[in-house]
Amino acid sequence: MKVEAFDNVWDAIEDDPGIRENLKLRSELMVALTRQIKREKWTQAEAAKLLGVTQPRISNLVRGKINSFGLDMLVKMAVAAGLRVRMQVKKAA
C-alpha cells in the first residue's frame, strides 16, 4: 500500500486546483478571525455586532463551517475586525 503525504488537508481532499486554493484562503481567514475574536475576548454577540453579521454566523465561523462563508464575506469581516488582509500570487511549482 502506497502512503501519500500532503502539504495540507485541502491538497488531500480536493482535486480541483481552483477550489483547493479557494478553500485554503477561506480557512486561513477563518483561523485569523477566530484568533482575533479570542485575543480581543469578544463574546459571539459582540463579535457579530462589530463584524456586521449575526451571532449564528460567528458560531459557524468559530466552529469551522467553511461552506458557510465566501472569500468576499471573510475579507469584509477581517477588515472590520481590525485585520489587514494581503494576498500573494506566485507561479505554481
C-alpha atoms as a PDB file:
ATOM      1  CA  MET A   1       0.000   0.000   0.000  1.00  0.00           C
ATOM      2  CA  LYS A   2       1.373   3.409  -1.017  1.00  0.00           C
ATOM      3  CA  VAL A   3       1.152   6.180   1.577  1.00  0.00           C
ATOM      4  CA  GLU A   4       0.704   9.697   0.221  1.00  0.00           C
ATOM      5  CA  ALA A   5       1.868  12.829   2.012  1.00  0.00           C
ATOM      6  CA  PHE A   6       0.218  16.215   1.510  1.00  0.00           C
ATOM      7  CA  ASP A   7       1.204  19.752   2.470  1.00  0.00           C
ATOM      8  CA  ASN A   8      -2.253  20.407   3.899  1.00  0.00           C
ATOM      9  CA  VAL A   9      -5.661  18.834   4.244  1.00  0.00           C
ATOM     10  CA  TRP A  10      -7.096  20.623   1.189  1.00  0.00           C
ATOM     11  CA  ASP A  11      -4.489  19.021  -1.077  1.00  0.00           C
ATOM     12  CA  ALA A  12      -5.632  15.641   0.225  1.00  0.00           C
ATOM     13  CA  ILE A  13      -9.386  16.090  -0.197  1.00  0.00           C
ATOM     14  CA  GLU A  14      -9.876  18.402  -3.194  1.00  0.00           C
ATOM     15  CA  ASP A  15      -8.728  17.539  -6.715  1.00  0.00           C
ATOM     16  CA  ASP A  16      -9.753  20.807  -8.414  1.00  0.00           C
ATOM     17  CA  PRO A  17      -6.847  23.258  -8.010  1.00  0.00           C
ATOM     18  CA  GLY A  18      -9.070  26.361  -8.150  1.00  0.00           C
ATOM     19  CA  ILE A  19     -11.418  25.081  -5.468  1.00  0.00           C
ATOM     20  CA  ARG A  20      -8.468  23.895  -3.415  1.00  0.00           C
ATOM     21  CA  GLU A  21      -6.832  27.354  -3.411  1.00  0.00           C
ATOM     22  CA  ASN A  22     -10.153  28.991  -2.521  1.00  0.00           C
ATOM     23  CA  LEU A  23     -10.551  26.630   0.434  1.00  0.00           C
ATOM     24  CA  LYS A  24      -7.017  27.390   1.607  1.00  0.00           C
ATOM     25  CA  LEU A  25      -7.662  31.132   1.538  1.00  0.00           C
ATOM     26  CA  ARG A  26     -11.014  30.834   3.290  1.00  0.00           C
ATOM     27  CA  SER A  27      -9.633  28.580   6.011  1.00  0.00           C
ATOM     28  CA  GLU A  28      -6.700  30.933   6.638  1.00  0.00           C
ATOM     29  CA  LEU A  29      -9.071  33.882   7.019  1.00  0.00           C
ATOM     30  CA  MET A  30     -11.365  31.909   9.303  1.00  0.00           C
ATOM     31  CA  VAL A  31      -8.471  30.945  11.578  1.00  0.00           C
ATOM     32  CA  ALA A  32      -7.247  34.564  11.702  1.00  0.00           C
ATOM     33  CA  LEU A  33     -10.733  35.846  12.552  1.00  0.00           C
ATOM     34  CA  THR A  34     -11.272  33.234  15.245  1.00  0.00           C
ATOM     35  CA  ARG A  35      -7.901  34.102  16.798  1.00  0.00           C
ATOM     36  CA  GLN A  36      -8.768  37.801  16.742  1.00  0.00           C
ATOM     37  CA  ILE A  37     -12.105  37.157  18.452  1.00  0.00           C
ATOM     38  CA  LYS A  38     -10.353  35.134  21.163  1.00  0.00           C
ATOM     39  CA  ARG A  39      -7.493  37.629  21.522  1.00  0.00           C
ATOM     40  CA  GLU A  40      -9.944  40.513  21.990  1.00  0.00           C
ATOM     41  CA  LYS A  41     -12.105  38.348  24.284  1.00  0.00           C
ATOM     42  CA  TRP A  42     -15.242  39.269  22.356  1.00  0.00           C
ATOM     43  CA  THR A  43     -18.395  37.330  23.028  1.00  0.00           C
ATOM     44  CA  GLN A  44     -20.065  35.947  19.921  1.00  0.00           C
ATOM     45  CA  ALA A  45     -22.696  38.678  20.224  1.00  0.00           C
ATOM     46  CA  GLU A  46     -20.023  41.397  20.462  1.00  0.00           C
ATOM     47  CA  ALA A  47     -18.103  39.954  17.532  1.00  0.00           C
ATOM     48  CA  ALA A  48     -21.259  39.747  15.456  1.00  0.00           C
ATOM     49  CA  LYS A  49     -22.099  43.391  16.067  1.00  0.00           C
ATOM     50  CA  LEU A  50     -18.537  44.560  15.339  1.00  0.00           C
ATOM     51  CA  LEU A  51     -18.213  42.429  12.207  1.00  0.00           C
ATOM     52  CA  GLY A  52     -21.657  43.211  10.824  1.00  0.00           C
ATOM     53  CA  VAL A  53     -23.047  39.684  10.924  1.00  0.00           C
ATOM     54  CA  THR A  54     -25.388  37.678  13.132  1.00  0.00           C
ATOM     55  CA  GLN A  55     -24.326  35.692  16.186  1.00  0.00           C
ATOM     56  CA  PRO A  56     -25.122  32.379  14.432  1.00  0.00           C
ATOM     57  CA  ARG A  57     -22.647  33.392  11.692  1.00  0.00           C
ATOM     58  CA  ILE A  58     -19.952  33.883  14.337  1.00  0.00           C
ATOM     59  CA  SER A  59     -20.843  30.484  15.760  1.00  0.00           C
ATOM     60  CA  ASN A  60     -20.383  28.961  12.291  1.00  0.00           C
ATOM     61  CA  LEU A  61     -17.064  30.778  11.965  1.00  0.00           C
ATOM     62  CA  VAL A  62     -15.561  29.546  15.230  1.00  0.00           C
ATOM     63  CA  ARG A  63     -16.846  26.010  14.560  1.00  0.00           C
ATOM     64  CA  GLY A  64     -15.052  25.989  11.209  1.00  0.00           C
ATOM     65  CA  LYS A  65     -18.125  25.759   8.963  1.00  0.00           C
ATOM     66  CA  ILE A  66     -16.142  26.738   5.868  1.00  0.00           C
ATOM     67  CA  ASN A  67     -19.011  26.222   3.420  1.00  0.00           C
ATOM     68  CA  SER A  68     -20.946  28.969   5.205  1.00  0.00           C
ATOM     69  CA  PHE A  69     -18.505  31.669   4.054  1.00  0.00           C
ATOM     70  CA  GLY A  70     -17.228  33.096   0.806  1.00  0.00           C
ATOM     71  CA  LEU A  71     -13.963  34.973   0.368  1.00  0.00           C
ATOM     72  CA  ASP A  72     -15.692  38.341  -0.002  1.00  0.00           C
ATOM     73  CA  MET A  73     -17.523  37.994   3.298  1.00  0.00           C
ATOM     74  CA  LEU A  74     -14.421  36.802   5.149  1.00  0.00           C
ATOM     75  CA  VAL A  75     -12.318  39.699   3.838  1.00  0.00           C
ATOM     76  CA  LYS A  76     -15.025  42.164   4.878  1.00  0.00           C
ATOM     77  CA  MET A  77     -15.202  40.596   8.351  1.00  0.00           C
ATOM     78  CA  ALA A  78     -11.403  40.594   8.723  1.00  0.00           C
ATOM     79  CA  VAL A  79     -11.169  44.292   7.904  1.00  0.00           C
ATOM     80  CA  ALA A  80     -13.992  45.049  10.344  1.00  0.00           C
ATOM     81  CA  ALA A  81     -12.076  43.067  12.981  1.00  0.00           C
ATOM     82  CA  GLY A  82      -9.041  45.309  12.501  1.00  0.00           C
ATOM     83  CA  LEU A  83      -7.022  42.826  10.488  1.00  0.00           C
ATOM     84  CA  ARG A  84      -5.051  43.594   7.358  1.00  0.00           C
ATOM     85  CA  VAL A  85      -5.559  41.141   4.518  1.00  0.00           C
ATOM     86  CA  ARG A  86      -2.802  40.647   1.977  1.00  0.00           C
ATOM     87  CA  MET A  87      -2.668  38.249  -0.913  1.00  0.00           C
ATOM     88  CA  GLN A  88       0.440  36.882  -2.566  1.00  0.00           C
ATOM     89  CA  VAL A  89       0.354  35.469  -6.068  1.00  0.00           C
ATOM     90  CA  LYS A  90       3.270  33.487  -7.450  1.00  0.00           C
ATOM     91  CA  LYS A  91       3.948  30.973 -10.159  1.00  0.00           C
ATOM     92  CA  ALA A  92       2.899  27.424  -9.272  1.00  0.00           C
ATOM     93  CA  ALA A  93       5.663  24.915  -8.752  1.00  0.00           C
END
